[in-house]
Amino acid sequence: MPQYMCSRCRRIVNMAELFALPGVRCPFCGYKILYKVRPSIVKEIKTK
């Protein structure tokens, strides 16, 4: 499940918490700008 981080309060928000409120807002501070948290695993792709 994707996670998002609020740009104001820096808290991690799950998708289930985002759908609890109307619109896309941080459920803790109400700020509208959220960043998607990238996984810490780096994918390596073999090339020819």
PDB file of N, CA and C in Angstrom:
ATOM      1  N   MET A   1       0.845  -1.170   0.000  1.00  0.00           N
ATOM      2  CA  MET A   1       0.000   0.000   0.000  1.00  0.00           C
ATOM      3  C   MET A   1       0.898   1.244   0.000  1.00  0.00           C
ATOM      4  N   PRO A   2       0.673   2.170  -0.922  1.00  0.00           N
ATOM      5  CA  PRO A   2       1.523   3.355  -0.992  1.00  0.00           C
ATOM      6  C   PRO A   2       1.392   4.236   0.246  1.00  0.00           C
ATOM      7  N   GLN A   3       2.493   4.865   0.587  1.00  0.00           N
ATOM      8  CA  GLN A   3       2.509   5.791   1.711  1.00  0.00           C
ATOM      9  C   GLN A   3       2.882   7.174   1.205  1.00  0.00           C
ATOM     10  N   TYR A   4       2.381   8.179   1.899  1.00  0.00           N
ATOM     11  CA  TYR A   4       2.649   9.566   1.538  1.00  0.00           C
ATOM     12  C   TYR A   4       3.147  10.315   2.754  1.00  0.00           C
ATOM     13  N   MET A   5       3.965  11.369   2.515  1.00  0.00           N
ATOM     14  CA  MET A   5       4.501  12.173   3.600  1.00  0.00           C
ATOM     15  C   MET A   5       4.012  13.611   3.434  1.00  0.00           C
ATOM     16  N   CYS A   6       3.520  14.182   4.504  1.00  0.00           N
ATOM     17  CA  CYS A   6       3.070  15.570   4.492  1.00  0.00           C
ATOM     18  C   CYS A   6       4.282  16.486   4.431  1.00  0.00           C
ATOM     19  N   SER A   7       4.224  17.525   3.613  1.00  0.00           N
ATOM     20  CA  SER A   7       5.377  18.411   3.486  1.00  0.00           C
ATOM     21  C   SER A   7       5.490  19.398   4.650  1.00  0.00           C
ATOM     22  N   ARG A   8       4.413  19.615   5.396  1.00  0.00           N
ATOM     23  CA  ARG A   8       4.470  20.530   6.533  1.00  0.00           C
ATOM     24  C   ARG A   8       4.883  19.822   7.825  1.00  0.00           C
ATOM     25  N   CYS A   9       4.162  18.776   8.205  1.00  0.00           N
ATOM     26  CA  CYS A   9       4.428  18.135   9.500  1.00  0.00           C
ATOM     27  C   CYS A   9       5.320  16.903   9.392  1.00  0.00           C
ATOM     28  N   ARG A  10       5.662  16.465   8.171  1.00  0.00           N
ATOM     29  CA  ARG A  10       6.569  15.338   7.907  1.00  0.00           C
ATOM     30  C   ARG A  10       6.076  14.011   8.477  1.00  0.00           C
ATOM     31  N   ARG A  11       4.778  13.839   8.628  1.00  0.00           N
ATOM     32  CA  ARG A  11       4.226  12.574   9.116  1.00  0.00           C
ATOM     33  C   ARG A  11       3.890  11.680   7.941  1.00  0.00           C
ATOM     34  N   ILE A  12       4.017  10.375   8.142  1.00  0.00           N
ATOM     35  CA  ILE A  12       3.696   9.390   7.125  1.00  0.00           C
ATOM     36  C   ILE A  12       2.200   9.076   7.195  1.00  0.00           C
ATOM     37  N   VAL A  13       1.540   9.097   6.033  1.00  0.00           N
ATOM     38  CA  VAL A  13       0.099   8.889   5.947  1.00  0.00           C
ATOM     39  C   VAL A  13      -0.158   7.713   5.014  1.00  0.00           C
ATOM     40  N   ASN A  14      -1.013   6.776   5.418  1.00  0.00           N
ATOM     41  CA  ASN A  14      -1.405   5.648   4.569  1.00  0.00           C
ATOM     42  C   ASN A  14      -2.577   6.052   3.679  1.00  0.00           C
ATOM     43  N   MET A  15      -2.829   5.237   2.656  1.00  0.00           N
ATOM     44  CA  MET A  15      -3.949   5.498   1.759  1.00  0.00           C
ATOM     45  C   MET A  15      -5.284   5.445   2.506  1.00  0.00           C
ATOM     46  N   ALA A  16      -5.408   4.530   3.466  1.00  0.00           N
ATOM     47  CA  ALA A  16      -6.665   4.409   4.219  1.00  0.00           C
ATOM     48  C   ALA A  16      -6.944   5.687   5.007  1.00  0.00           C
ATOM     49  N   GLU A  17      -5.912   6.320   5.542  1.00  0.00           N
ATOM     50  CA  GLU A  17      -6.086   7.574   6.284  1.00  0.00           C
ATOM     51  C   GLU A  17      -6.446   8.723   5.347  1.00  0.00           C
ATOM     52  N   LEU A  18      -5.937   8.680   4.108  1.00  0.00           N
ATOM     53  CA  LEU A  18      -6.261   9.737   3.143  1.00  0.00           C
ATOM     54  C   LEU A  18      -7.727   9.684   2.724  1.00  0.00           C
ATOM     55  N   PHE A  19      -8.278   8.475   2.572  1.00  0.00           N
ATOM     56  CA  PHE A  19      -9.666   8.347   2.137  1.00  0.00           C
ATOM     57  C   PHE A  19     -10.659   8.628   3.257  1.00  0.00           C
ATOM     58  N   ALA A  20     -10.189   8.795   4.487  1.00  0.00           N
ATOM     59  CA  ALA A  20     -11.087   9.084   5.602  1.00  0.00           C
ATOM     60  C   ALA A  20     -11.645  10.515   5.507  1.00  0.00           C
ATOM     61  N   LEU A  21     -10.887  11.423   4.916  1.00  0.00           N
ATOM     62  CA  LEU A  21     -11.307  12.824   4.779  1.00  0.00           C
ATOM     63  C   LEU A  21     -11.687  13.127   3.329  1.00  0.00           C
ATOM     64  N   PRO A  22     -12.593  14.055   3.106  1.00  0.00           N
ATOM     65  CA  PRO A  22     -12.898  14.440   1.723  1.00  0.00           C
ATOM     66  C   PRO A  22     -11.741  15.241   1.132  1.00  0.00           C
ATOM     67  N   GLY A  23     -11.383  14.934  -0.095  1.00  0.00           N
ATOM     68  CA  GLY A  23     -10.258  15.602  -0.736  1.00  0.00           C
ATOM     69  C   GLY A  23      -8.951  14.982  -0.279  1.00  0.00           C
ATOM     70  N   VAL A  24      -7.851  15.493  -0.797  1.00  0.00           N
ATOM     71  CA  VAL A  24      -6.529  14.992  -0.421  1.00  0.00           C
ATOM     72  C   VAL A  24      -5.899  15.994   0.526  1.00  0.00           C
ATOM     73  N   ARG A  25      -5.877  15.646   1.799  1.00  0.00           N
ATOM     74  CA  ARG A  25      -5.303  16.495   2.841  1.00  0.00           C
ATOM     75  C   ARG A  25      -4.642  15.621   3.886  1.00  0.00           C
ATOM     76  N   CYS A  26      -3.673  16.177   4.585  1.00  0.00           N
ATOM     77  CA  CYS A  26      -3.046  15.483   5.706  1.00  0.00           C
ATOM     78  C   CYS A  26      -4.080  15.398   6.837  1.00  0.00           C
ATOM     79  N   PRO A  27      -4.326  14.193   7.383  1.00  0.00           N
ATOM     80  CA  PRO A  27      -5.320  14.081   8.456  1.00  0.00           C
ATOM     81  C   PRO A  27      -4.858  14.687   9.774  1.00  0.00           C
ATOM     82  N   PHE A  28      -3.583  15.013   9.900  1.00  0.00           N
ATOM     83  CA  PHE A  28      -3.052  15.557  11.144  1.00  0.00           C
ATOM     84  C   PHE A  28      -3.054  17.089  11.164  1.00  0.00           C
ATOM     85  N   CYS A  29      -2.562  17.716  10.065  1.00  0.00           N
ATOM     86  CA  CYS A  29      -2.474  19.181  10.067  1.00  0.00           C
ATOM     87  C   CYS A  29      -3.377  19.838   9.013  1.00  0.00           C
ATOM     88  N   GLY A  30      -3.928  19.059   8.051  1.00  0.00           N
ATOM     89  CA  GLY A  30      -4.823  19.621   7.057  1.00  0.00           C
ATOM     90  C   GLY A  30      -4.131  20.212   5.846  1.00  0.00           C
ATOM     91  N   TYR A  31      -2.806  20.060   5.737  1.00  0.00           N
ATOM     92  CA  TYR A  31      -2.063  20.619   4.614  1.00  0.00           C
ATOM     93  C   TYR A  31      -2.331  19.812   3.351  1.00  0.00           C
ATOM     94  N   LYS A  32      -2.311  20.457   2.167  1.00  0.00           N
ATOM     95  CA  LYS A  32      -2.705  19.812   0.927  1.00  0.00           C
ATOM     96  C   LYS A  32      -1.556  19.184   0.141  1.00  0.00           C
ATOM     97  N   ILE A  33      -0.303  19.500   0.464  1.00  0.00           N
ATOM     98  CA  ILE A  33       0.823  19.004  -0.324  1.00  0.00           C
ATOM     99  C   ILE A  33       1.402  17.753   0.323  1.00  0.00           C
ATOM    100  N   LEU A  34       1.309  16.620  -0.405  1.00  0.00           N
ATOM    101  CA  LEU A  34       1.817  15.335   0.074  1.00  0.00           C
ATOM    102  C   LEU A  34       2.795  14.779  -0.954  1.00  0.00           C
ATOM    103  N   TYR A  35       3.857  14.139  -0.472  1.00  0.00           N
ATOM    104  CA  TYR A  35       4.844  13.506  -1.333  1.00  0.00           C
ATOM    105  C   TYR A  35       4.747  11.999  -1.180  1.00  0.00           C
ATOM    106  N   LYS A  36       4.897  11.267  -2.285  1.00  0.00           N
ATOM    107  CA  LYS A  36       4.880   9.811  -2.222  1.00  0.00           C
ATOM    108  C   LYS A  36       6.229   9.332  -1.707  1.00  0.00           C
ATOM    109  N   VAL A  37       6.203   8.445  -0.708  1.00  0.00           N
ATOM    110  CA  VAL A  37       7.432   7.911  -0.120  1.00  0.00           C
ATOM    111  C   VAL A  37       7.938   6.791  -1.021  1.00  0.00           C
ATOM    112  N   ARG A  38       9.188   6.907  -1.432  1.00  0.00           N
ATOM    113  CA  ARG A  38       9.779   5.882  -2.290  1.00  0.00           C
ATOM    114  C   ARG A  38      10.334   4.751  -1.438  1.00  0.00           C
ATOM    115  N   PRO A  39      10.293   3.523  -1.953  1.00  0.00           N
ATOM    116  CA  PRO A  39      10.859   2.412  -1.194  1.00  0.00           C
ATOM    117  C   PRO A  39      12.382   2.516  -1.135  1.00  0.00           C
ATOM    118  N   SER A  40      12.974   1.933  -0.112  1.00  0.00           N
ATOM    119  CA  SER A  40      14.425   2.018   0.055  1.00  0.00           C
ATOM    120  C   SER A  40      15.173   0.994  -0.799  1.00  0.00           C
ATOM    121  N   ILE A  41      14.466   0.098  -1.469  1.00  0.00           N
ATOM    122  CA  ILE A  41      15.076  -0.927  -2.317  1.00  0.00           C
ATOM    123  C   ILE A  41      15.365  -0.332  -3.683  1.00  0.00           C
ATOM    124  N   VAL A  42      16.594  -0.533  -4.163  1.00  0.00           N
ATOM    125  CA  VAL A  42      16.979  -0.044  -5.477  1.00  0.00           C
ATOM    126  C   VAL A  42      16.906  -1.214  -6.455  1.00  0.00           C
ATOM    127  N   LYS A  43      16.188  -1.033  -7.544  1.00  0.00           N
ATOM    128  CA  LYS A  43      16.067  -2.098  -8.537  1.00  0.00           C
ATOM    129  C   LYS A  43      17.217  -1.984  -9.535  1.00  0.00           C
ATOM    130  N   GLU A  44      17.843  -3.118  -9.840  1.00  0.00           N
ATOM    131  CA  GLU A  44      18.888  -3.157 -10.834  1.00  0.00           C
ATOM    132  C   GLU A  44      18.369  -3.894 -12.054  1.00  0.00           C
ATOM    133  N   ILE A  45      18.604  -3.322 -13.217  1.00  0.00           N
ATOM    134  CA  ILE A  45      18.165  -3.916 -14.484  1.00  0.00           C
ATOM    135  C   ILE A  45      19.400  -4.222 -15.309  1.00  0.00           C
ATOM    136  N   LYS A  46      19.486  -5.464 -15.782  1.00  0.00           N
ATOM    137  CA  LYS A  46      20.631  -5.860 -16.606  1.00  0.00           C
ATOM    138  C   LYS A  46      20.445  -5.305 -18.009  1.00  0.00           C
ATOM    139  N   THR A  47      21.540  -4.832 -18.586  1.00  0.00           N
ATOM    140  CA  THR A  47      21.520  -4.352 -19.965  1.00  0.00           C
ATOM    141  C   THR A  47      22.398  -5.253 -20.799  1.00  0.00           C
ATOM    142  N   LYS A  48      22.268  -5.133 -22.084  1.00  0.00           N
ATOM    143  CA  LYS A  48      23.049  -6.000 -22.984  1.00  0.00           C
ATOM    144  C   LYS A  48      24.477  -5.549 -23.084  1.00  0.00           C
TER     145      LYS A  48
END
